[in-house]
Amino acid sequence: MRLPRGATEAALDDVIMSALTSRWQKVAMIIGVAMADCEKLKLPIAPEMIGARLRFLSHADRIEGVGDLRRWGHSEVRLKDEPISALRRG
């Protein structure tokens, strides 16, 4: 899936990551929040693009996902837990 002109993967990732928390949330919820943020930023992003990017981020081990992320109402995502050693450095 190609992003529309004027939209970048980094910008989309920023929107998605700001919608995520450390608790599990339905993919559909994250897509809804991200869509609202994209509209505010005037990023012409379709919900399917956000869903595809969530799957990519999960497969790339940048976020955690459970279930079939293609089934938005039946799968969940969250930010990855930081290792304890990373928390101690802070």
PDB file of N, CA and C in Angstrom:
ATOM      1  N   MET A   1       0.851  -1.174   0.000  1.00  0.00           N
ATOM      2  CA  MET A   1       0.000   0.000   0.000  1.00  0.00           C
ATOM      3  C   MET A   1       0.898   1.240   0.000  1.00  0.00           C
ATOM      4  N   ARG A   2       0.599   2.168  -0.857  1.00  0.00           N
ATOM      5  CA  ARG A   2       1.376   3.398  -0.962  1.00  0.00           C
ATOM      6  C   ARG A   2       0.729   4.521  -0.167  1.00  0.00           C
ATOM      7  N   LEU A   3       1.574   5.296   0.488  1.00  0.00           N
ATOM      8  CA  LEU A   3       1.075   6.471   1.196  1.00  0.00           C
ATOM      9  C   LEU A   3       0.795   7.584   0.194  1.00  0.00           C
ATOM     10  N   PRO A   4      -0.198   8.406   0.467  1.00  0.00           N
ATOM     11  CA  PRO A   4      -0.485   9.518  -0.435  1.00  0.00           C
ATOM     12  C   PRO A   4       0.634  10.562  -0.402  1.00  0.00           C
ATOM     13  N   ARG A   5       0.698  11.358  -1.444  1.00  0.00           N
ATOM     14  CA  ARG A   5       1.696  12.431  -1.514  1.00  0.00           C
ATOM     15  C   ARG A   5       1.565  13.330  -0.294  1.00  0.00           C
ATOM     16  N   GLY A   6       2.681  13.694   0.280  1.00  0.00           N
ATOM     17  CA  GLY A   6       2.668  14.559   1.447  1.00  0.00           C
ATOM     18  C   GLY A   6       2.674  13.813   2.774  1.00  0.00           C
ATOM     19  N   ALA A   7       2.463  12.516   2.736  1.00  0.00           N
ATOM     20  CA  ALA A   7       2.475  11.706   3.962  1.00  0.00           C
ATOM     21  C   ALA A   7       3.729  10.839   3.967  1.00  0.00           C
ATOM     22  N   THR A   8       4.337  10.694   5.121  1.00  0.00           N
ATOM     23  CA  THR A   8       5.531   9.859   5.235  1.00  0.00           C
ATOM     24  C   THR A   8       5.284   8.744   6.248  1.00  0.00           C
ATOM     25  N   GLU A   9       6.089   7.693   6.147  1.00  0.00           N
ATOM     26  CA  GLU A   9       5.996   6.609   7.127  1.00  0.00           C
ATOM     27  C   GLU A   9       6.280   7.138   8.526  1.00  0.00           C
ATOM     28  N   ALA A  10       7.264   8.037   8.639  1.00  0.00           N
ATOM     29  CA  ALA A  10       7.624   8.582   9.950  1.00  0.00           C
ATOM     30  C   ALA A  10       6.454   9.350  10.562  1.00  0.00           C
ATOM     31  N   ALA A  11       5.763  10.152   9.753  1.00  0.00           N
ATOM     32  CA  ALA A  11       4.622  10.914  10.261  1.00  0.00           C
ATOM     33  C   ALA A  11       3.502   9.974  10.689  1.00  0.00           C
ATOM     34  N   LEU A  12       3.246   8.953   9.892  1.00  0.00           N
ATOM     35  CA  LEU A  12       2.202   7.986  10.236  1.00  0.00           C
ATOM     36  C   LEU A  12       2.584   7.217  11.493  1.00  0.00           C
ATOM     37  N   ASP A  13       3.843   6.817  11.596  1.00  0.00           N
ATOM     38  CA  ASP A  13       4.298   6.114  12.795  1.00  0.00           C
ATOM     39  C   ASP A  13       4.136   6.987  14.035  1.00  0.00           C
ATOM     40  N   ASP A  14       4.452   8.282  13.927  1.00  0.00           N
ATOM     41  CA  ASP A  14       4.293   9.191  15.064  1.00  0.00           C
ATOM     42  C   ASP A  14       2.836   9.246  15.517  1.00  0.00           C
ATOM     43  N   VAL A  15       1.925   9.312  14.563  1.00  0.00           N
ATOM     44  CA  VAL A  15       0.497   9.352  14.890  1.00  0.00           C
ATOM     45  C   VAL A  15       0.085   8.057  15.582  1.00  0.00           C
ATOM     46  N   ILE A  16       0.501   6.938  15.028  1.00  0.00           N
ATOM     47  CA  ILE A  16       0.143   5.634  15.599  1.00  0.00           C
ATOM     48  C   ILE A  16       0.726   5.474  16.998  1.00  0.00           C
ATOM     49  N   MET A  17       2.007   5.786  17.147  1.00  0.00           N
ATOM     50  CA  MET A  17       2.659   5.597  18.448  1.00  0.00           C
ATOM     51  C   MET A  17       2.039   6.498  19.518  1.00  0.00           C
ATOM     52  N   SER A  18       1.579   7.688  19.124  1.00  0.00           N
ATOM     53  CA  SER A  18       0.951   8.571  20.117  1.00  0.00           C
ATOM     54  C   SER A  18      -0.423   8.052  20.534  1.00  0.00           C
ATOM     55  N   ALA A  19      -1.047   7.226  19.697  1.00  0.00           N
ATOM     56  CA  ALA A  19      -2.357   6.648  20.031  1.00  0.00           C
ATOM     57  C   ALA A  19      -2.224   5.424  20.938  1.00  0.00           C
ATOM     58  N   LEU A  20      -1.067   4.783  20.919  1.00  0.00           N
ATOM     59  CA  LEU A  20      -0.854   3.558  21.699  1.00  0.00           C
ATOM     60  C   LEU A  20      -0.508   3.867  23.149  1.00  0.00           C
ATOM     61  N   THR A  21      -0.834   2.943  24.025  1.00  0.00           N
ATOM     62  CA  THR A  21      -0.438   3.017  25.431  1.00  0.00           C
ATOM     63  C   THR A  21       0.184   1.672  25.806  1.00  0.00           C
ATOM     64  N   SER A  22       0.533   1.532  27.055  1.00  0.00           N
ATOM     65  CA  SER A  22       1.113   0.269  27.508  1.00  0.00           C
ATOM     66  C   SER A  22       0.044  -0.793  27.776  1.00  0.00           C
ATOM     67  N   ARG A  23      -1.235  -0.400  27.722  1.00  0.00           N
ATOM     68  CA  ARG A  23      -2.290  -1.398  27.929  1.00  0.00           C
ATOM     69  C   ARG A  23      -2.848  -1.840  26.580  1.00  0.00           C
ATOM     70  N   TRP A  24      -3.359  -3.057  26.549  1.00  0.00           N
ATOM     71  CA  TRP A  24      -3.922  -3.605  25.319  1.00  0.00           C
ATOM     72  C   TRP A  24      -5.158  -2.819  24.918  1.00  0.00           C
ATOM     73  N   GLN A  25      -5.250  -2.478  23.633  1.00  0.00           N
ATOM     74  CA  GLN A  25      -6.415  -1.796  23.082  1.00  0.00           C
ATOM     75  C   GLN A  25      -6.764  -2.426  21.732  1.00  0.00           C
ATOM     76  N   LYS A  26      -8.051  -2.446  21.412  1.00  0.00           N
ATOM     77  CA  LYS A  26      -8.494  -2.994  20.135  1.00  0.00           C
ATOM     78  C   LYS A  26      -7.859  -2.203  18.981  1.00  0.00           C
ATOM     79  N   VAL A  27      -7.490  -2.922  17.940  1.00  0.00           N
ATOM     80  CA  VAL A  27      -6.941  -2.294  16.749  1.00  0.00           C
ATOM     81  C   VAL A  27      -7.927  -1.260  16.206  1.00  0.00           C
ATOM     82  N   ALA A  28      -9.214  -1.582  16.227  1.00  0.00           N
ATOM     83  CA  ALA A  28     -10.232  -0.650  15.738  1.00  0.00           C
ATOM     84  C   ALA A  28     -10.183   0.677  16.495  1.00  0.00           C
ATOM     85  N   MET A  29      -9.963   0.628  17.790  1.00  0.00           N
ATOM     86  CA  MET A  29      -9.888   1.842  18.605  1.00  0.00           C
ATOM     87  C   MET A  29      -8.674   2.678  18.208  1.00  0.00           C
ATOM     88  N   ILE A  30      -7.539   2.026  18.048  1.00  0.00           N
ATOM     89  CA  ILE A  30      -6.315   2.739  17.672  1.00  0.00           C
ATOM     90  C   ILE A  30      -6.478   3.372  16.295  1.00  0.00           C
ATOM     91  N   ILE A  31      -7.090   2.657  15.374  1.00  0.00           N
ATOM     92  CA  ILE A  31      -7.313   3.200  14.033  1.00  0.00           C
ATOM     93  C   ILE A  31      -8.216   4.436  14.111  1.00  0.00           C
ATOM     94  N   GLY A  32      -9.254   4.379  14.934  1.00  0.00           N
ATOM     95  CA  GLY A  32     -10.144   5.529  15.096  1.00  0.00           C
ATOM     96  C   GLY A  32      -9.432   6.745  15.655  1.00  0.00           C
ATOM     97  N   VAL A  33      -8.629   6.541  16.684  1.00  0.00           N
ATOM     98  CA  VAL A  33      -7.872   7.645  17.293  1.00  0.00           C
ATOM     99  C   VAL A  33      -6.860   8.196  16.289  1.00  0.00           C
ATOM    100  N   ALA A  34      -6.158   7.309  15.605  1.00  0.00           N
ATOM    101  CA  ALA A  34      -5.158   7.736  14.622  1.00  0.00           C
ATOM    102  C   ALA A  34      -5.811   8.488  13.459  1.00  0.00           C
ATOM    103  N   MET A  35      -6.990   8.036  13.026  1.00  0.00           N
ATOM    104  CA  MET A  35      -7.703   8.732  11.950  1.00  0.00           C
ATOM    105  C   MET A  35      -8.051  10.164  12.362  1.00  0.00           C
ATOM    106  N   ALA A  36      -8.521  10.336  13.571  1.00  0.00           N
ATOM    107  CA  ALA A  36      -8.862  11.673  14.066  1.00  0.00           C
ATOM    108  C   ALA A  36      -7.614  12.558  14.096  1.00  0.00           C
ATOM    109  N   ASP A  37      -6.495  11.998  14.543  1.00  0.00           N
ATOM    110  CA  ASP A  37      -5.248  12.765  14.579  1.00  0.00           C
ATOM    111  C   ASP A  37      -4.768  13.100  13.170  1.00  0.00           C
ATOM    112  N   CYS A  38      -4.907  12.170  12.246  1.00  0.00           N
ATOM    113  CA  CYS A  38      -4.519  12.423  10.852  1.00  0.00           C
ATOM    114  C   CYS A  38      -5.365  13.560  10.262  1.00  0.00           C
ATOM    115  N   GLU A  39      -6.648  13.559  10.573  1.00  0.00           N
ATOM    116  CA  GLU A  39      -7.517  14.637  10.080  1.00  0.00           C
ATOM    117  C   GLU A  39      -7.074  15.990  10.624  1.00  0.00           C
ATOM    118  N   LYS A  40      -6.726  16.042  11.918  1.00  0.00           N
ATOM    119  CA  LYS A  40      -6.254  17.291  12.524  1.00  0.00           C
ATOM    120  C   LYS A  40      -4.973  17.773  11.849  1.00  0.00           C
ATOM    121  N   LEU A  41      -4.091  16.822  11.489  1.00  0.00           N
ATOM    122  CA  LEU A  41      -2.812  17.159  10.854  1.00  0.00           C
ATOM    123  C   LEU A  41      -2.924  17.306   9.341  1.00  0.00           C
ATOM    124  N   LYS A  42      -4.140  17.125   8.819  1.00  0.00           N
ATOM    125  CA  LYS A  42      -4.397  17.183   7.379  1.00  0.00           C
ATOM    126  C   LYS A  42      -3.555  16.164   6.598  1.00  0.00           C
ATOM    127  N   LEU A  43      -3.390  14.967   7.211  1.00  0.00           N
ATOM    128  CA  LEU A  43      -2.726  13.852   6.529  1.00  0.00           C
ATOM    129  C   LEU A  43      -3.806  13.006   5.869  1.00  0.00           C
ATOM    130  N   PRO A  44      -3.774  12.866   4.550  1.00  0.00           N
ATOM    131  CA  PRO A  44      -4.815  12.104   3.849  1.00  0.00           C
ATOM    132  C   PRO A  44      -4.570  10.591   3.934  1.00  0.00           C
ATOM    133  N   ILE A  45      -4.815  10.039   5.103  1.00  0.00           N
ATOM    134  CA  ILE A  45      -4.539   8.629   5.365  1.00  0.00           C
ATOM    135  C   ILE A  45      -5.852   7.864   5.498  1.00  0.00           C
ATOM    136  N   ALA A  46      -5.948   6.737   4.812  1.00  0.00           N
ATOM    137  CA  ALA A  46      -7.125   5.871   4.908  1.00  0.00           C
ATOM    138  C   ALA A  46      -6.971   4.924   6.099  1.00  0.00           C
ATOM    139  N   PRO A  47      -8.086   4.491   6.683  1.00  0.00           N
ATOM    140  CA  PRO A  47      -8.004   3.557   7.818  1.00  0.00           C
ATOM    141  C   PRO A  47      -7.231   2.284   7.460  1.00  0.00           C
ATOM    142  N   GLU A  48      -7.367   1.804   6.237  1.00  0.00           N
ATOM    143  CA  GLU A  48      -6.653   0.589   5.812  1.00  0.00           C
ATOM    144  C   GLU A  48      -5.143   0.773   5.860  1.00  0.00           C
ATOM    145  N   MET A  49      -4.690   2.000   5.612  1.00  0.00           N
ATOM    146  CA  MET A  49      -3.255   2.287   5.680  1.00  0.00           C
ATOM    147  C   MET A  49      -2.752   2.196   7.117  1.00  0.00           C
ATOM    148  N   ILE A  50      -3.550   2.688   8.039  1.00  0.00           N
ATOM    149  CA  ILE A  50      -3.174   2.610   9.460  1.00  0.00           C
ATOM    150  C   ILE A  50      -3.150   1.152   9.896  1.00  0.00           C
ATOM    151  N   GLY A  51      -4.155   0.390   9.488  1.00  0.00           N
ATOM    152  CA  GLY A  51      -4.182  -1.034   9.818  1.00  0.00           C
ATOM    153  C   GLY A  51      -2.973  -1.764   9.268  1.00  0.00           C
ATOM    154  N   ALA A  52      -2.616  -1.472   8.028  1.00  0.00           N
ATOM    155  CA  ALA A  52      -1.445  -2.110   7.415  1.00  0.00           C
ATOM    156  C   ALA A  52      -0.174  -1.707   8.145  1.00  0.00           C
ATOM    157  N   ARG A  53      -0.097  -0.452   8.543  1.00  0.00           N
ATOM    158  CA  ARG A  53       1.111   0.007   9.250  1.00  0.00           C
ATOM    159  C   ARG A  53       1.190  -0.625  10.640  1.00  0.00           C
ATOM    160  N   LEU A  54       0.061  -0.804  11.307  1.00  0.00           N
ATOM    161  CA  LEU A  54       0.070  -1.497  12.604  1.00  0.00           C
ATOM    162  C   LEU A  54       0.599  -2.922  12.443  1.00  0.00           C
ATOM    163  N   ARG A  55       0.165  -3.608  11.392  1.00  0.00           N
ATOM    164  CA  ARG A  55       0.671  -4.967  11.138  1.00  0.00           C
ATOM    165  C   ARG A  55       2.174  -4.938  10.898  1.00  0.00           C
ATOM    166  N   PHE A  56       2.645  -3.968  10.115  1.00  0.00           N
ATOM    167  CA  PHE A  56       4.081  -3.851   9.854  1.00  0.00           C
ATOM    168  C   PHE A  56       4.845  -3.606  11.157  1.00  0.00           C
ATOM    169  N   LEU A  57       4.372  -2.662  11.967  1.00  0.00           N
ATOM    170  CA  LEU A  57       5.064  -2.344  13.226  1.00  0.00           C
ATOM    171  C   LEU A  57       5.104  -3.551  14.159  1.00  0.00           C
ATOM    172  N   SER A  58       4.040  -4.330  14.161  1.00  0.00           N
ATOM    173  CA  SER A  58       4.008  -5.538  14.981  1.00  0.00           C
ATOM    174  C   SER A  58       4.998  -6.576  14.461  1.00  0.00           C
ATOM    175  N   HIS A  59       4.990  -6.800  13.146  1.00  0.00           N
ATOM    176  CA  HIS A  59       5.921  -7.772  12.554  1.00  0.00           C
ATOM    177  C   HIS A  59       7.375  -7.332  12.718  1.00  0.00           C
ATOM    178  N   ALA A  60       7.611  -6.014  12.736  1.00  0.00           N
ATOM    179  CA  ALA A  60       8.960  -5.473  12.916  1.00  0.00           C
ATOM    180  C   ALA A  60       9.363  -5.434  14.388  1.00  0.00           C
ATOM    181  N   ASP A  61       8.471  -5.907  15.263  1.00  0.00           N
ATOM    182  CA  ASP A  61       8.720  -5.975  16.705  1.00  0.00           C
ATOM    183  C   ASP A  61       8.882  -4.591  17.343  1.00  0.00           C
ATOM    184  N   ARG A  62       8.223  -3.589  16.770  1.00  0.00           N
ATOM    185  CA  ARG A  62       8.255  -2.246  17.343  1.00  0.00           C
ATOM    186  C   ARG A  62       7.086  -2.013  18.291  1.00  0.00           C
ATOM    187  N   ILE A  63       5.996  -2.792  18.105  1.00  0.00           N
ATOM    188  CA  ILE A  63       4.856  -2.781  19.027  1.00  0.00           C
ATOM    189  C   ILE A  63       4.450  -4.229  19.251  1.00  0.00           C
ATOM    190  N   GLU A  64       3.596  -4.450  20.249  1.00  0.00           N
ATOM    191  CA  GLU A  64       3.087  -5.788  20.500  1.00  0.00           C
ATOM    192  C   GLU A  64       1.673  -5.905  19.962  1.00  0.00           C
ATOM    193  N   GLY A  65       1.368  -7.049  19.372  1.00  0.00           N
ATOM    194  CA  GLY A  65       0.033  -7.306  18.864  1.00  0.00           C
ATOM    195  C   GLY A  65      -0.389  -8.726  19.178  1.00  0.00           C
ATOM    196  N   VAL A  66      -1.672  -8.905  19.452  1.00  0.00           N
ATOM    197  CA  VAL A  66      -2.222 -10.248  19.674  1.00  0.00           C
ATOM    198  C   VAL A  66      -3.438 -10.430  18.782  1.00  0.00           C
ATOM    199  N   GLY A  67      -3.590 -11.627  18.277  1.00  0.00           N
ATOM    200  CA  GLY A  67      -4.681 -11.927  17.370  1.00  0.00           C
ATOM    201  C   GLY A  67      -4.293 -11.597  15.937  1.00  0.00           C
ATOM    202  N   ASP A  68      -5.228 -11.770  15.043  1.00  0.00           N
ATOM    203  CA  ASP A  68      -5.030 -11.462  13.628  1.00  0.00           C
ATOM    204  C   ASP A  68      -5.305  -9.969  13.446  1.00  0.00           C
ATOM    205  N   LEU A  69      -4.249  -9.175  13.285  1.00  0.00           N
ATOM    206  CA  LEU A  69      -4.396  -7.724  13.234  1.00  0.00           C
ATOM    207  C   LEU A  69      -5.202  -7.244  12.030  1.00  0.00           C
ATOM    208  N   ARG A  70      -5.496  -8.156  11.099  1.00  0.00           N
ATOM    209  CA  ARG A  70      -6.373  -7.794   9.983  1.00  0.00           C
ATOM    210  C   ARG A  70      -7.826  -7.735  10.438  1.00  0.00           C
ATOM    211  N   ARG A  71      -8.131  -8.358  11.564  1.00  0.00           N
ATOM    212  CA  ARG A  71      -9.497  -8.346  12.125  1.00  0.00           C
ATOM    213  C   ARG A  71      -9.524  -7.304  13.252  1.00  0.00           C
ATOM    214  N   TRP A  72      -9.792  -6.068  12.874  1.00  0.00           N
ATOM    215  CA  TRP A  72      -9.645  -4.924  13.755  1.00  0.00           C
ATOM    216  C   TRP A  72     -10.400  -5.044  15.066  1.00  0.00           C
ATOM    217  N   GLY A  73     -11.574  -5.598  15.050  1.00  0.00           N
ATOM    218  CA  GLY A  73     -12.376  -5.698  16.270  1.00  0.00           C
ATOM    219  C   GLY A  73     -12.052  -6.913  17.117  1.00  0.00           C
ATOM    220  N   HIS A  74     -11.155  -7.761  16.624  1.00  0.00           N
ATOM    221  CA  HIS A  74     -10.839  -9.015  17.309  1.00  0.00           C
ATOM    222  C   HIS A  74      -9.357  -9.156  17.622  1.00  0.00           C
ATOM    223  N   SER A  75      -8.607  -8.068  17.532  1.00  0.00           N
ATOM    224  CA  SER A  75      -7.183  -8.103  17.835  1.00  0.00           C
ATOM    225  C   SER A  75      -6.825  -6.850  18.617  1.00  0.00           C
ATOM    226  N   GLU A  76      -5.685  -6.911  19.288  1.00  0.00           N
ATOM    227  CA  GLU A  76      -5.276  -5.809  20.154  1.00  0.00           C
ATOM    228  C   GLU A  76      -3.801  -5.509  19.977  1.00  0.00           C
ATOM    229  N   VAL A  77      -3.428  -4.257  20.293  1.00  0.00           N
ATOM    230  CA  VAL A  77      -2.042  -3.810  20.200  1.00  0.00           C
ATOM    231  C   VAL A  77      -1.709  -2.961  21.422  1.00  0.00           C
ATOM    232  N   ARG A  78      -0.423  -2.823  21.661  1.00  0.00           N
ATOM    233  CA  ARG A  78       0.056  -1.934  22.725  1.00  0.00           C
ATOM    234  C   ARG A  78       1.517  -1.604  22.468  1.00  0.00           C
ATOM    235  N   LEU A  79       2.026  -0.606  23.198  1.00  0.00           N
ATOM    236  CA  LEU A  79       3.449  -0.301  23.143  1.00  0.00           C
ATOM    237  C   LEU A  79       4.216  -1.470  23.733  1.00  0.00           C
ATOM    238  N   LYS A  80       5.413  -1.682  23.256  1.00  0.00           N
ATOM    239  CA  LYS A  80       6.247  -2.740  23.816  1.00  0.00           C
ATOM    240  C   LYS A  80       6.659  -2.365  25.233  1.00  0.00           C
ATOM    241  N   ASP A  81       6.700  -3.362  26.104  1.00  0.00           N
ATOM    242  CA  ASP A  81       7.230  -3.140  27.442  1.00  0.00           C
ATOM    243  C   ASP A  81       8.716  -2.864  27.330  1.00  0.00           C
ATOM    244  N   GLU A  82       9.182  -1.848  28.070  1.00  0.00           N
ATOM    245  CA  GLU A  82      10.611  -1.577  28.065  1.00  0.00           C
ATOM    246  C   GLU A  82      11.302  -2.555  28.996  1.00  0.00           C
ATOM    247  N   PRO A  83      12.491  -3.020  28.594  1.00  0.00           N
ATOM    248  CA  PRO A  83      13.230  -3.915  29.488  1.00  0.00           C
ATOM    249  C   PRO A  83      13.555  -3.205  30.799  1.00  0.00           C
ATOM    250  N   ILE A  84      13.634  -3.948  31.870  1.00  0.00           N
ATOM    251  CA  ILE A  84      13.912  -3.378  33.184  1.00  0.00           C
ATOM    252  C   ILE A  84      15.229  -2.615  33.157  1.00  0.00           C
ATOM    253  N   SER A  85      16.236  -3.110  32.459  1.00  0.00           N
ATOM    254  CA  SER A  85      17.530  -2.425  32.409  1.00  0.00           C
ATOM    255  C   SER A  85      17.394  -1.033  31.796  1.00  0.00           C
ATOM    256  N   ALA A  86      16.500  -0.850  30.813  1.00  0.00           N
ATOM    257  CA  ALA A  86      16.290   0.455  30.187  1.00  0.00           C
ATOM    258  C   ALA A  86      15.599   1.404  31.158  1.00  0.00           C
ATOM    259  N   LEU A  87      14.722   0.883  32.006  1.00  0.00           N
ATOM    260  CA  LEU A  87      14.025   1.711  32.969  1.00  0.00           C
ATOM    261  C   LEU A  87      14.973   2.222  34.049  1.00  0.00           C
ATOM    262  N   ARG A  88      15.957   1.453  34.397  1.00  0.00           N
ATOM    263  CA  ARG A  88      16.891   1.839  35.450  1.00  0.00           C
ATOM    264  C   ARG A  88      17.845   2.937  34.994  1.00  0.00           C
ATOM    265  N   ARG A  89      18.117   3.023  33.699  1.00  0.00           N
ATOM    266  CA  ARG A  89      19.056   4.018  33.176  1.00  0.00           C
ATOM    267  C   ARG A  89      18.511   5.435  33.317  1.00  0.00           C
ATOM    268  N   GLY A  90      17.176   5.558  33.102  1.00  0.00           N
ATOM    269  CA  GLY A  90      16.486   6.822  33.035  1.00  0.00           C
ATOM    270  C   GLY A  90      16.856   7.806  34.030  1.00  0.00           C
TER     271      GLY A  90
END
